[in-house]
């Protein structure tokens, strides 16, 4: 089984498109497992909101709570990349995820900071160790596919990358 890392940020409309392309293509590649790596496009102290540290942690909490991850991703991208909701607030995230996770359990885990270090590690892996410059970014078998700034990726680029 090959492992592909997918670096993404829910605030990034190009990541939303890349995620949709990935869903369209991954069914043709049963030999590839996806390692989801939510990262912040603009981590603090960068002065470029929205800061998505809490949204990135939400991915791990949703997995822990056994959420429908397709519904989770759809809600997150819609609310953050499209509607530009302020996900720097726990209450906003709870409203986004109503009906997808138990919001009281979600809030308790988020408030505990259980996955904060994981997001920091993802950011470090992406930016310091994997040379990510723009997201979405994909890493597999020593190869990489990064979005172009202001452009994203094309379905053809992703298809070629998945073929190896």
N, C-alpha and C. Protein backbone atom coordinates (compact mmCIF):
# COMPACT_ATOMS: atom_id res chain seq x y z
N UNK A 1 0.86 -1.19 0.00
CA UNK A 1 0.00 0.00 0.00
C UNK A 1 0.89 1.24 0.00
N UNK A 2 0.64 2.14 -0.91
CA UNK A 2 1.36 3.40 -0.95
C UNK A 2 0.62 4.42 -0.07
N UNK A 3 1.38 5.30 0.57
CA UNK A 3 0.81 6.33 1.44
C UNK A 3 1.00 7.68 0.77
N UNK A 4 -0.07 8.42 0.64
CA UNK A 4 0.00 9.76 0.09
C UNK A 4 -0.40 10.75 1.18
N UNK A 5 0.45 11.74 1.41
CA UNK A 5 0.11 12.82 2.34
C UNK A 5 -0.62 13.91 1.55
N UNK A 6 -1.73 14.36 2.12
CA UNK A 6 -2.52 15.44 1.54
C UNK A 6 -2.53 16.59 2.53
N UNK A 7 -1.81 17.67 2.18
CA UNK A 7 -1.76 18.87 3.01
C UNK A 7 -2.81 19.85 2.50
N UNK A 8 -3.64 20.35 3.41
CA UNK A 8 -4.76 21.21 3.02
C UNK A 8 -5.16 22.13 4.15
N UNK A 9 -5.88 23.18 3.79
CA UNK A 9 -6.43 24.10 4.78
C UNK A 9 -7.88 24.37 4.37
N UNK A 10 -8.79 24.28 5.33
CA UNK A 10 -10.21 24.47 5.02
C UNK A 10 -10.54 25.88 4.54
N UNK A 11 -9.69 26.87 4.81
CA UNK A 11 -9.97 28.24 4.37
C UNK A 11 -9.58 28.45 2.91
N UNK A 12 -8.91 27.50 2.30
CA UNK A 12 -8.35 27.63 0.96
C UNK A 12 -9.32 27.09 -0.10
N UNK A 13 -9.84 27.96 -0.97
CA UNK A 13 -10.76 27.47 -2.01
C UNK A 13 -10.08 26.51 -2.98
N UNK A 14 -8.76 26.65 -3.16
CA UNK A 14 -8.04 25.72 -4.03
C UNK A 14 -7.92 24.34 -3.38
N UNK A 15 -7.86 24.31 -2.07
CA UNK A 15 -7.85 23.04 -1.34
C UNK A 15 -9.20 22.34 -1.48
N UNK A 16 -10.27 23.13 -1.43
CA UNK A 16 -11.61 22.56 -1.62
C UNK A 16 -11.70 21.90 -2.98
N UNK A 17 -11.23 22.57 -4.00
CA UNK A 17 -11.25 22.01 -5.35
C UNK A 17 -10.34 20.79 -5.44
N UNK A 18 -9.13 20.89 -4.87
CA UNK A 18 -8.21 19.76 -4.87
C UNK A 18 -8.79 18.56 -4.15
N UNK A 19 -9.48 18.80 -3.05
CA UNK A 19 -10.16 17.73 -2.30
C UNK A 19 -11.22 17.07 -3.18
N UNK A 20 -11.99 17.86 -3.91
CA UNK A 20 -13.01 17.30 -4.80
C UNK A 20 -12.38 16.48 -5.92
N UNK A 21 -11.29 16.97 -6.49
CA UNK A 21 -10.57 16.19 -7.51
C UNK A 21 -10.06 14.88 -6.92
N UNK A 22 -9.53 14.95 -5.70
CA UNK A 22 -9.02 13.76 -5.05
C UNK A 22 -10.12 12.72 -4.85
N UNK A 23 -11.28 13.17 -4.41
CA UNK A 23 -12.40 12.23 -4.23
C UNK A 23 -12.80 11.59 -5.55
N UNK A 24 -12.76 12.36 -6.63
CA UNK A 24 -13.10 11.83 -7.95
C UNK A 24 -12.10 10.78 -8.41
N UNK A 25 -10.85 10.93 -8.05
CA UNK A 25 -9.78 10.07 -8.57
C UNK A 25 -9.36 8.92 -7.69
N UNK A 26 -9.46 9.05 -6.38
CA UNK A 26 -8.86 8.07 -5.49
C UNK A 26 -9.48 6.69 -5.62
N UNK A 27 -10.74 6.61 -6.04
CA UNK A 27 -11.38 5.31 -6.24
C UNK A 27 -10.70 4.47 -7.30
N UNK A 28 -9.94 5.09 -8.17
CA UNK A 28 -9.21 4.38 -9.21
C UNK A 28 -7.85 3.89 -8.72
N UNK A 29 -7.55 4.10 -7.46
CA UNK A 29 -6.22 3.79 -6.91
C UNK A 29 -6.36 3.09 -5.56
N UNK A 30 -6.81 1.86 -5.57
CA UNK A 30 -7.02 1.13 -4.32
C UNK A 30 -5.71 0.83 -3.59
N UNK A 31 -4.59 1.07 -4.26
CA UNK A 31 -3.29 0.83 -3.65
C UNK A 31 -2.75 2.05 -2.90
N UNK A 32 -3.55 3.13 -2.82
CA UNK A 32 -3.11 4.36 -2.17
C UNK A 32 -3.98 4.65 -0.95
N UNK A 33 -3.32 4.83 0.18
CA UNK A 33 -4.00 5.28 1.40
C UNK A 33 -3.67 6.76 1.59
N UNK A 34 -4.66 7.53 2.01
CA UNK A 34 -4.46 8.97 2.20
C UNK A 34 -4.15 9.26 3.66
N UNK A 35 -3.07 9.99 3.87
CA UNK A 35 -2.73 10.50 5.19
C UNK A 35 -3.13 11.98 5.20
N UNK A 36 -4.24 12.28 5.84
CA UNK A 36 -4.79 13.63 5.86
C UNK A 36 -3.96 14.51 6.79
N UNK A 37 -3.51 15.66 6.29
CA UNK A 37 -2.68 16.57 7.06
C UNK A 37 -3.23 17.99 7.00
N UNK A 38 -4.21 18.31 7.84
CA UNK A 38 -4.70 19.69 7.87
C UNK A 38 -3.61 20.62 8.39
N UNK A 39 -3.36 21.70 7.66
CA UNK A 39 -2.36 22.68 8.05
C UNK A 39 -2.96 24.08 7.93
N UNK A 40 -2.26 25.04 8.49
CA UNK A 40 -2.69 26.43 8.43
C UNK A 40 -1.97 27.12 7.28
N UNK A 41 -2.71 27.70 6.37
CA UNK A 41 -2.09 28.47 5.29
C UNK A 41 -1.36 29.69 5.85
N UNK A 42 -1.92 30.25 6.90
CA UNK A 42 -1.36 31.46 7.50
C UNK A 42 -1.32 31.31 9.02
N UNK A 43 -0.35 30.52 9.53
CA UNK A 43 -0.31 30.31 10.98
C UNK A 43 0.10 31.57 11.74
N UNK A 44 -0.36 31.66 12.98
CA UNK A 44 0.06 32.75 13.84
C UNK A 44 1.57 32.68 14.01
N UNK A 45 2.27 33.75 14.08
CA UNK A 45 1.81 35.11 14.31
C UNK A 45 1.50 35.87 13.01
N UNK A 46 1.43 35.18 11.88
CA UNK A 46 1.12 35.86 10.62
C UNK A 46 -0.17 36.64 10.76
N UNK A 47 -0.18 37.84 10.27
CA UNK A 47 -1.35 38.72 10.39
C UNK A 47 -2.21 38.60 9.12
N UNK A 48 -2.75 37.41 8.92
CA UNK A 48 -3.57 37.16 7.73
C UNK A 48 -4.69 36.19 8.11
N UNK A 49 -5.76 36.71 8.70
CA UNK A 49 -6.87 35.83 9.09
C UNK A 49 -7.61 35.31 7.86
N UNK A 50 -8.39 34.25 7.98
CA UNK A 50 -8.68 33.59 9.24
C UNK A 50 -7.54 32.64 9.63
N UNK A 51 -7.34 32.52 10.91
CA UNK A 51 -6.39 31.55 11.43
C UNK A 51 -7.18 30.27 11.69
N UNK A 52 -6.70 29.18 11.17
CA UNK A 52 -7.49 27.95 11.15
C UNK A 52 -6.95 26.86 12.08
N UNK A 53 -6.19 27.25 13.08
CA UNK A 53 -5.63 26.27 14.00
C UNK A 53 -6.73 25.42 14.64
N UNK A 54 -7.81 26.04 15.07
CA UNK A 54 -8.92 25.29 15.68
C UNK A 54 -9.63 24.42 14.64
N UNK A 55 -9.79 24.93 13.43
CA UNK A 55 -10.44 24.15 12.37
C UNK A 55 -9.61 22.92 12.03
N UNK A 56 -8.29 23.07 12.00
CA UNK A 56 -7.43 21.92 11.73
C UNK A 56 -7.54 20.88 12.85
N UNK A 57 -7.60 21.33 14.09
CA UNK A 57 -7.78 20.40 15.21
C UNK A 57 -9.12 19.67 15.09
N UNK A 58 -10.10 20.37 14.53
CA UNK A 58 -11.44 19.79 14.39
C UNK A 58 -11.44 18.51 13.58
N UNK A 59 -10.54 18.43 12.60
CA UNK A 59 -10.45 17.20 11.78
C UNK A 59 -10.19 16.00 12.68
N UNK A 60 -9.21 16.12 13.57
CA UNK A 60 -8.84 14.99 14.44
C UNK A 60 -9.93 14.69 15.46
N UNK A 61 -10.60 15.72 15.92
CA UNK A 61 -11.71 15.50 16.86
C UNK A 61 -12.85 14.77 16.17
N UNK A 62 -13.18 15.18 14.96
CA UNK A 62 -14.25 14.51 14.20
C UNK A 62 -13.92 13.04 13.99
N UNK A 63 -12.66 12.75 13.67
CA UNK A 63 -12.26 11.34 13.52
C UNK A 63 -12.42 10.59 14.84
N UNK A 64 -11.99 11.21 15.93
CA UNK A 64 -12.11 10.57 17.24
C UNK A 64 -13.57 10.28 17.58
N UNK A 65 -14.45 11.20 17.20
CA UNK A 65 -15.87 11.04 17.51
C UNK A 65 -16.61 10.21 16.46
N UNK A 66 -15.85 9.63 15.53
CA UNK A 66 -16.40 8.75 14.50
C UNK A 66 -17.45 9.43 13.63
N UNK A 67 -17.14 10.66 13.24
CA UNK A 67 -18.07 11.45 12.40
C UNK A 67 -18.05 10.93 10.97
N UNK A 68 -19.09 11.24 10.25
CA UNK A 68 -19.13 11.02 8.80
C UNK A 68 -18.15 12.03 8.21
N UNK A 69 -16.99 11.56 7.79
CA UNK A 69 -15.93 12.48 7.38
C UNK A 69 -16.25 13.18 6.06
N UNK A 70 -17.03 12.58 5.20
CA UNK A 70 -17.44 13.28 3.98
C UNK A 70 -18.32 14.48 4.34
N UNK A 71 -19.25 14.28 5.25
CA UNK A 71 -20.11 15.38 5.69
C UNK A 71 -19.27 16.43 6.43
N UNK A 72 -18.32 15.97 7.22
CA UNK A 72 -17.45 16.88 7.95
C UNK A 72 -16.68 17.78 6.99
N UNK A 73 -15.97 17.17 6.04
CA UNK A 73 -15.17 17.96 5.08
C UNK A 73 -16.07 18.94 4.31
N UNK A 74 -17.21 18.47 3.85
CA UNK A 74 -18.13 19.33 3.09
C UNK A 74 -18.56 20.54 3.92
N UNK A 75 -18.92 20.30 5.17
CA UNK A 75 -19.36 21.40 6.04
C UNK A 75 -18.23 22.38 6.31
N UNK A 76 -17.05 21.86 6.54
CA UNK A 76 -15.91 22.73 6.84
C UNK A 76 -15.55 23.59 5.63
N UNK A 77 -15.43 22.98 4.46
CA UNK A 77 -15.07 23.77 3.27
C UNK A 77 -16.15 24.79 2.94
N UNK A 78 -17.41 24.39 3.03
CA UNK A 78 -18.50 25.32 2.73
C UNK A 78 -18.47 26.52 3.69
N UNK A 79 -18.33 26.24 4.95
CA UNK A 79 -18.41 27.30 5.96
C UNK A 79 -17.19 28.20 6.00
N UNK A 80 -16.04 27.63 5.69
CA UNK A 80 -14.80 28.40 5.83
C UNK A 80 -14.34 28.96 4.49
N UNK A 81 -14.14 28.11 3.48
CA UNK A 81 -13.62 28.58 2.18
C UNK A 81 -14.65 29.38 1.40
N UNK A 82 -15.93 29.01 1.52
CA UNK A 82 -16.97 29.67 0.72
C UNK A 82 -17.65 30.80 1.51
N UNK A 83 -18.18 30.47 2.68
CA UNK A 83 -18.92 31.46 3.47
C UNK A 83 -18.02 32.35 4.32
N UNK A 84 -16.77 31.99 4.47
CA UNK A 84 -15.77 32.76 5.22
C UNK A 84 -16.18 33.00 6.68
N UNK A 85 -16.74 31.97 7.31
CA UNK A 85 -17.11 32.08 8.72
C UNK A 85 -15.85 32.19 9.58
N UNK A 86 -15.97 32.85 10.72
CA UNK A 86 -14.85 33.07 11.62
C UNK A 86 -14.61 31.85 12.50
N UNK A 87 -13.74 30.98 12.05
CA UNK A 87 -13.49 29.74 12.77
C UNK A 87 -12.40 29.88 13.82
N UNK A 88 -12.12 31.09 14.20
CA UNK A 88 -11.22 31.32 15.32
C UNK A 88 -12.00 31.24 16.64
N UNK A 89 -13.30 30.96 16.53
CA UNK A 89 -14.17 30.87 17.70
C UNK A 89 -14.78 29.48 17.79
N UNK A 90 -14.67 28.89 18.96
CA UNK A 90 -15.18 27.54 19.20
C UNK A 90 -16.67 27.46 18.88
N UNK A 91 -17.43 28.47 19.28
CA UNK A 91 -18.88 28.44 19.07
C UNK A 91 -19.24 28.35 17.58
N UNK A 92 -18.48 29.03 16.74
CA UNK A 92 -18.72 28.98 15.30
C UNK A 92 -18.50 27.56 14.79
N UNK A 93 -17.41 26.94 15.22
CA UNK A 93 -17.15 25.55 14.80
C UNK A 93 -18.25 24.61 15.28
N UNK A 94 -18.70 24.81 16.49
CA UNK A 94 -19.80 23.97 17.01
C UNK A 94 -21.06 24.12 16.16
N UNK A 95 -21.36 25.34 15.75
CA UNK A 95 -22.53 25.56 14.89
C UNK A 95 -22.36 24.90 13.52
N UNK A 96 -21.17 24.98 12.96
CA UNK A 96 -20.88 24.36 11.66
C UNK A 96 -21.08 22.85 11.74
N UNK A 97 -20.70 22.26 12.86
CA UNK A 97 -20.67 20.81 12.97
C UNK A 97 -21.90 20.20 13.65
N UNK A 98 -22.90 21.05 13.94
CA UNK A 98 -24.14 20.54 14.52
C UNK A 98 -24.72 19.46 13.60
N UNK A 99 -25.06 18.32 14.17
CA UNK A 99 -25.62 17.23 13.39
C UNK A 99 -24.56 16.32 12.78
N UNK A 100 -23.29 16.72 12.87
CA UNK A 100 -22.21 15.89 12.34
C UNK A 100 -21.43 15.25 13.49
N UNK A 101 -21.26 16.00 14.56
CA UNK A 101 -20.60 15.48 15.77
C UNK A 101 -21.45 15.86 16.98
N UNK A 102 -21.19 15.19 18.07
CA UNK A 102 -21.78 15.58 19.35
C UNK A 102 -21.04 16.86 19.76
N UNK A 103 -21.71 17.99 19.67
CA UNK A 103 -21.03 19.27 19.87
C UNK A 103 -20.51 19.47 21.29
N UNK A 104 -21.14 18.87 22.28
CA UNK A 104 -20.63 19.01 23.65
C UNK A 104 -19.31 18.27 23.81
N UNK A 105 -19.25 17.05 23.27
CA UNK A 105 -17.99 16.30 23.31
C UNK A 105 -16.94 17.01 22.47
N UNK A 106 -17.35 17.49 21.31
CA UNK A 106 -16.44 18.22 20.42
C UNK A 106 -15.84 19.42 21.15
N UNK A 107 -16.69 20.22 21.79
CA UNK A 107 -16.24 21.42 22.50
C UNK A 107 -15.25 21.05 23.61
N UNK A 108 -15.54 20.00 24.35
CA UNK A 108 -14.67 19.60 25.46
C UNK A 108 -13.29 19.21 24.95
N UNK A 109 -13.25 18.45 23.86
CA UNK A 109 -11.95 18.03 23.32
C UNK A 109 -11.21 19.22 22.74
N UNK A 110 -11.91 20.08 22.01
CA UNK A 110 -11.28 21.26 21.42
C UNK A 110 -10.71 22.16 22.52
N UNK A 111 -11.51 22.39 23.56
CA UNK A 111 -11.07 23.25 24.66
C UNK A 111 -9.87 22.65 25.40
N UNK A 112 -9.74 21.33 25.38
CA UNK A 112 -8.62 20.68 26.06
C UNK A 112 -7.29 20.88 25.33
N UNK A 113 -7.37 21.22 24.04
CA UNK A 113 -6.15 21.39 23.25
C UNK A 113 -5.48 20.08 22.87
N UNK A 114 -6.20 19.00 22.97
CA UNK A 114 -5.66 17.66 22.73
C UNK A 114 -4.91 17.54 21.40
N UNK A 115 -5.40 18.19 20.36
CA UNK A 115 -4.80 18.03 19.03
C UNK A 115 -4.04 19.26 18.55
N UNK A 116 -3.83 20.22 19.42
CA UNK A 116 -3.09 21.43 19.03
C UNK A 116 -1.67 21.10 18.58
N UNK A 117 -1.01 20.23 19.31
CA UNK A 117 0.36 19.85 18.96
C UNK A 117 0.40 19.14 17.61
N UNK A 118 -0.62 18.34 17.31
CA UNK A 118 -0.66 17.63 16.03
C UNK A 118 -0.69 18.62 14.87
N UNK A 119 -1.45 19.69 15.00
CA UNK A 119 -1.52 20.70 13.94
C UNK A 119 -0.17 21.40 13.80
N UNK A 120 0.46 21.71 14.92
CA UNK A 120 1.80 22.31 14.87
C UNK A 120 2.78 21.37 14.17
N UNK A 121 2.68 20.08 14.46
CA UNK A 121 3.55 19.09 13.81
C UNK A 121 3.26 19.02 12.31
N UNK A 122 1.98 19.09 11.94
CA UNK A 122 1.62 19.09 10.52
C UNK A 122 2.21 20.31 9.81
N UNK A 123 2.10 21.48 10.44
CA UNK A 123 2.65 22.70 9.87
C UNK A 123 4.16 22.56 9.67
N UNK A 124 4.84 22.02 10.68
CA UNK A 124 6.28 21.84 10.60
C UNK A 124 6.64 20.84 9.49
N UNK A 125 5.92 19.74 9.43
CA UNK A 125 6.17 18.74 8.39
C UNK A 125 5.99 19.35 7.00
N UNK A 126 4.93 20.12 6.83
CA UNK A 126 4.64 20.71 5.53
C UNK A 126 5.68 21.76 5.15
N UNK A 127 5.83 22.75 5.99
CA UNK A 127 6.62 23.92 5.62
C UNK A 127 8.12 23.76 5.83
N UNK A 128 8.51 23.05 6.88
CA UNK A 128 9.93 22.92 7.19
C UNK A 128 10.57 21.67 6.60
N UNK A 129 9.81 20.59 6.50
CA UNK A 129 10.41 19.31 6.10
C UNK A 129 10.00 18.85 4.71
N UNK A 130 8.86 19.29 4.21
CA UNK A 130 8.37 18.80 2.92
C UNK A 130 8.35 19.86 1.83
N UNK A 131 8.76 21.06 2.15
CA UNK A 131 8.86 22.10 1.14
C UNK A 131 7.55 22.58 0.56
N UNK A 132 6.47 22.48 1.32
CA UNK A 132 5.19 22.98 0.84
C UNK A 132 5.26 24.50 0.78
N UNK A 133 4.82 25.05 -0.33
CA UNK A 133 4.77 26.50 -0.47
C UNK A 133 3.32 26.95 -0.66
N UNK A 134 2.56 26.21 -1.46
CA UNK A 134 1.14 26.49 -1.66
C UNK A 134 0.35 25.21 -1.46
N UNK A 135 -0.87 25.34 -0.98
CA UNK A 135 -1.77 24.20 -0.80
C UNK A 135 -2.92 24.31 -1.80
N UNK A 136 -3.49 23.16 -2.16
CA UNK A 136 -3.22 21.83 -1.66
C UNK A 136 -1.86 21.32 -2.13
N UNK A 137 -1.31 20.42 -1.32
CA UNK A 137 -0.03 19.81 -1.65
C UNK A 137 -0.12 18.31 -1.37
N UNK A 138 0.52 17.56 -2.23
CA UNK A 138 0.49 16.10 -2.15
C UNK A 138 1.92 15.59 -2.13
N UNK A 139 2.19 14.56 -1.30
CA UNK A 139 3.50 13.93 -1.23
C UNK A 139 3.30 12.42 -1.26
N UNK A 140 4.08 11.74 -2.14
CA UNK A 140 3.99 10.29 -2.20
C UNK A 140 5.21 9.75 -2.95
N UNK A 141 5.79 8.70 -2.43
CA UNK A 141 6.90 8.01 -3.09
C UNK A 141 8.04 8.96 -3.46
N UNK A 142 8.31 9.95 -2.60
CA UNK A 142 9.39 10.88 -2.86
C UNK A 142 9.07 11.94 -3.90
N UNK A 143 7.84 11.96 -4.37
CA UNK A 143 7.42 12.96 -5.36
C UNK A 143 6.45 13.93 -4.72
N UNK A 144 6.31 15.09 -5.36
CA UNK A 144 5.39 16.08 -4.80
C UNK A 144 4.60 16.77 -5.90
N UNK A 145 3.41 17.18 -5.52
CA UNK A 145 2.55 17.99 -6.35
C UNK A 145 2.04 19.11 -5.46
N UNK A 146 2.42 20.34 -5.81
CA UNK A 146 1.96 21.51 -5.07
C UNK A 146 1.11 22.38 -5.97
N UNK A 147 0.15 23.03 -5.38
CA UNK A 147 -0.65 24.00 -6.12
C UNK A 147 0.25 25.15 -6.56
N UNK A 148 -0.19 25.82 -7.58
CA UNK A 148 0.44 27.08 -7.98
C UNK A 148 -0.36 28.19 -7.32
N UNK A 149 0.34 29.20 -6.83
CA UNK A 149 -0.34 30.32 -6.18
C UNK A 149 -1.37 30.96 -7.08
N UNK A 150 -2.59 31.09 -6.57
CA UNK A 150 -3.67 31.71 -7.32
C UNK A 150 -4.24 30.84 -8.42
N UNK A 151 -3.78 29.59 -8.50
CA UNK A 151 -4.23 28.70 -9.57
C UNK A 151 -4.73 27.36 -9.03
N UNK A 152 -4.04 26.79 -8.07
CA UNK A 152 -4.39 25.48 -7.55
C UNK A 152 -3.76 24.38 -8.39
N UNK A 153 -4.46 23.27 -8.51
CA UNK A 153 -4.01 22.15 -9.34
C UNK A 153 -5.11 21.81 -10.32
N UNK A 154 -4.76 21.06 -11.34
CA UNK A 154 -5.76 20.60 -12.31
C UNK A 154 -6.04 19.12 -12.07
N UNK A 155 -7.18 18.64 -12.55
CA UNK A 155 -7.46 17.20 -12.41
C UNK A 155 -6.40 16.36 -13.12
N UNK A 156 -5.89 16.85 -14.24
CA UNK A 156 -4.88 16.11 -14.99
C UNK A 156 -3.58 15.99 -14.19
N UNK A 157 -3.18 17.07 -13.52
CA UNK A 157 -1.97 17.02 -12.69
C UNK A 157 -2.12 16.00 -11.58
N UNK A 158 -3.29 15.97 -10.95
CA UNK A 158 -3.51 15.02 -9.87
C UNK A 158 -3.54 13.59 -10.41
N UNK A 159 -4.20 13.37 -11.53
CA UNK A 159 -4.23 12.03 -12.13
C UNK A 159 -2.82 11.52 -12.40
N UNK A 160 -2.01 12.36 -13.00
CA UNK A 160 -0.63 11.99 -13.32
C UNK A 160 0.16 11.70 -12.05
N UNK A 161 -0.02 12.52 -11.04
CA UNK A 161 0.66 12.31 -9.77
C UNK A 161 0.26 10.97 -9.14
N UNK A 162 -1.02 10.65 -9.14
CA UNK A 162 -1.49 9.41 -8.54
C UNK A 162 -0.99 8.18 -9.29
N UNK A 163 -0.80 8.32 -10.59
CA UNK A 163 -0.26 7.21 -11.38
C UNK A 163 1.19 6.91 -10.99
N UNK A 164 1.87 7.92 -10.47
CA UNK A 164 3.25 7.74 -10.03
C UNK A 164 4.18 7.98 -11.17
